[in-house]
Amino acid sequence: MTTAEGRRPTPGVGVAVVDGTRLLLVQRGHEPGRGMWAVPGGKPRYGEPLREAARREVLEETGLTVEVGDVIWAGDSLGPGNPPAWHYAIVDFAGIAVAGSLRPGDDAADAAWVELGETASLPLTPTMPGLIEVVRMRL
């Protein structure tokens, strides 16, 4: 049995980029959640402020430059097992695309603008339904 002693959650950031009633999503190209859809995001680099990390991750994964706004959701992604296989402490920001051309990049297998009403038909990462509900309430 593995213990969690000495382990710490890994910070993560994401950006809910909205265009009208569409949400920018990426299909994850790597584990955890390979093949599932989520907002673009990832891990901050050491010394990199969260908003800068969020902006960088969107650009790397989608080719879009965004203005990063307020924090709109925070939570945890826990892997299976006890202790969990992974633990990400995630902060998601609101965002608006200001430049660039949409294309999947970095660790994204695909990137797309998805109507909020159609997101439920996609295989979403476990944290996405809660974030999508927050986005709906903000429209």
Protein backbone atom coordinates (compact mmCIF):
# COMPACT_ATOMS: atom_id res chain seq x y z
CA MET A 1 0.00 0.00 0.00
CA THR A 2 1.28 3.46 -0.96
CA THR A 3 1.02 6.27 1.54
CA ALA A 4 0.37 9.93 0.85
CA GLU A 5 2.86 11.03 3.48
CA GLY A 6 5.03 13.85 2.17
CA ARG A 7 3.03 14.22 -1.05
CA ARG A 8 1.43 17.51 -2.01
CA PRO A 9 -1.29 18.40 -4.54
CA THR A 10 -0.05 19.67 -7.89
CA PRO A 11 -1.38 23.12 -8.82
CA GLY A 12 -3.26 23.45 -12.08
CA VAL A 13 -4.95 26.25 -14.00
CA GLY A 14 -7.61 26.41 -16.67
CA VAL A 15 -9.45 29.06 -18.65
CA ALA A 16 -13.14 29.02 -19.57
CA VAL A 17 -12.90 31.00 -22.81
CA VAL A 18 -16.40 31.99 -23.90
CA ASP A 19 -17.56 33.39 -27.24
CA GLY A 20 -21.29 34.09 -27.07
CA THR A 21 -22.79 30.72 -26.11
CA ARG A 22 -19.72 28.72 -27.16
CA LEU A 23 -17.02 27.40 -24.85
CA LEU A 24 -13.47 26.65 -25.98
CA LEU A 25 -12.61 23.01 -25.23
CA VAL A 26 -9.60 20.82 -25.91
CA GLN A 27 -9.48 17.07 -26.18
CA ARG A 28 -6.75 15.83 -23.88
CA GLY A 29 -3.92 14.09 -25.69
CA HIS A 30 -2.26 12.61 -22.58
CA GLU A 31 -3.22 11.07 -19.25
CA PRO A 32 -4.91 11.74 -17.00
CA GLY A 33 -8.09 11.94 -19.03
CA ARG A 34 -6.69 11.18 -22.46
CA GLY A 35 -9.48 11.54 -25.05
CA MET A 36 -11.71 13.55 -22.70
CA TRP A 37 -12.67 17.18 -23.22
CA ALA A 38 -11.89 20.09 -20.88
CA VAL A 39 -11.08 23.77 -20.93
CA PRO A 40 -7.46 24.45 -21.91
CA GLY A 41 -5.07 24.51 -19.00
CA GLY A 42 -2.16 22.85 -17.27
CA LYS A 43 0.50 23.29 -14.62
CA PRO A 44 2.19 26.56 -13.75
CA ARG A 45 5.95 26.66 -13.98
CA TYR A 46 7.93 27.42 -10.84
CA GLY A 47 7.75 31.19 -10.25
CA GLU A 48 5.05 31.72 -12.89
CA PRO A 49 1.95 33.55 -11.61
CA LEU A 50 -1.30 31.61 -12.09
CA ARG A 51 -2.82 34.08 -14.58
CA GLU A 52 0.33 34.01 -16.72
CA ALA A 53 0.35 30.20 -16.62
CA ALA A 54 -3.31 30.16 -17.67
CA ARG A 55 -2.63 32.52 -20.60
CA ARG A 56 0.40 30.47 -21.70
CA GLU A 57 -1.44 27.16 -21.51
CA VAL A 58 -4.33 28.43 -23.67
CA LEU A 59 -1.89 29.71 -26.29
CA GLU A 60 0.10 26.46 -26.30
CA GLU A 61 -2.98 24.24 -26.53
CA THR A 62 -5.17 26.27 -28.89
CA GLY A 63 -3.14 28.94 -30.70
CA LEU A 64 -5.35 31.65 -29.19
CA THR A 65 -4.22 34.61 -27.13
CA VAL A 66 -6.65 35.34 -24.30
CA GLU A 67 -7.37 37.99 -21.73
CA VAL A 68 -7.58 36.18 -18.40
CA GLY A 69 -10.27 37.46 -16.05
CA ASP A 70 -11.60 36.52 -12.64
CA VAL A 71 -11.39 33.15 -10.93
CA ILE A 72 -14.72 31.44 -11.55
CA TRP A 73 -14.14 27.91 -10.20
CA ALA A 74 -11.70 26.10 -7.94
CA GLY A 75 -11.60 22.45 -6.98
CA ASP A 76 -9.72 19.19 -6.98
CA SER A 77 -9.14 16.42 -9.47
CA LEU A 78 -8.35 13.17 -7.66
CA GLY A 79 -7.21 9.99 -9.33
CA PRO A 80 -8.35 6.53 -8.38
CA GLY A 81 -7.02 4.69 -5.35
CA ASN A 82 -6.33 5.38 -1.72
CA PRO A 83 -4.24 7.44 -1.64
CA PRO A 84 -5.29 8.81 -5.03
CA ALA A 85 -3.03 8.24 -8.04
CA TRP A 86 -2.96 12.01 -8.55
CA HIS A 87 -4.24 15.14 -6.88
CA TYR A 88 -4.50 18.41 -8.81
CA ALA A 89 -5.70 21.57 -7.05
CA ILE A 90 -7.23 23.52 -9.95
CA VAL A 91 -8.06 27.19 -10.35
CA ASP A 92 -10.14 28.10 -13.41
CA PHE A 93 -10.41 31.63 -14.76
CA ALA A 94 -12.85 33.32 -17.13
CA GLY A 95 -11.30 34.33 -20.43
CA ILE A 96 -11.89 36.06 -23.75
CA ALA A 97 -10.02 35.27 -26.98
CA VAL A 98 -8.37 38.40 -28.41
CA ALA A 99 -6.08 37.05 -31.16
CA GLY A 100 -4.85 33.96 -32.94
CA SER A 101 -6.23 31.09 -35.01
CA LEU A 102 -7.74 28.02 -33.39
CA ARG A 103 -5.62 24.89 -33.81
CA PRO A 104 -4.78 22.04 -31.44
CA GLY A 105 -1.25 22.18 -30.10
CA ASP A 106 1.04 21.02 -27.30
CA ASP A 107 -0.72 18.12 -25.52
CA ALA A 108 -4.18 18.75 -27.05
CA ALA A 109 -5.40 16.14 -29.53
CA ASP A 110 -8.12 18.53 -30.75
CA ALA A 111 -9.53 21.98 -30.00
CA ALA A 112 -13.02 23.27 -30.75
CA TRP A 113 -15.64 25.89 -29.95
CA VAL A 114 -18.57 23.95 -28.51
CA GLU A 115 -22.08 25.25 -27.87
CA LEU A 116 -22.77 25.06 -24.12
CA GLY A 117 -25.90 23.01 -24.82
CA GLU A 118 -23.82 20.40 -26.66
CA THR A 119 -21.08 19.91 -24.05
CA ALA A 120 -23.00 17.13 -22.28
CA SER A 121 -22.70 14.95 -25.40
CA LEU A 122 -18.88 14.91 -25.09
CA PRO A 123 -16.78 12.75 -22.79
CA LEU A 124 -15.83 15.42 -20.26
CA THR A 125 -13.22 15.32 -17.52
CA PRO A 126 -14.85 14.89 -14.09
CA THR A 127 -14.42 18.53 -13.06
CA MET A 128 -16.01 19.98 -16.22
CA PRO A 129 -19.75 19.68 -15.42
CA GLY A 130 -19.36 21.94 -12.38
CA LEU A 131 -17.35 24.49 -14.33
CA ILE A 132 -19.83 24.45 -17.23
CA GLU A 133 -22.67 25.14 -14.79
CA VAL A 134 -20.79 28.19 -13.48
CA VAL A 135 -20.23 29.40 -17.05
CA ARG A 136 -23.96 29.01 -17.82
CA MET A 137 -24.89 31.04 -14.75
CA ARG A 138 -22.53 33.85 -15.84
CA LEU A 139 -24.19 34.27 -19.28
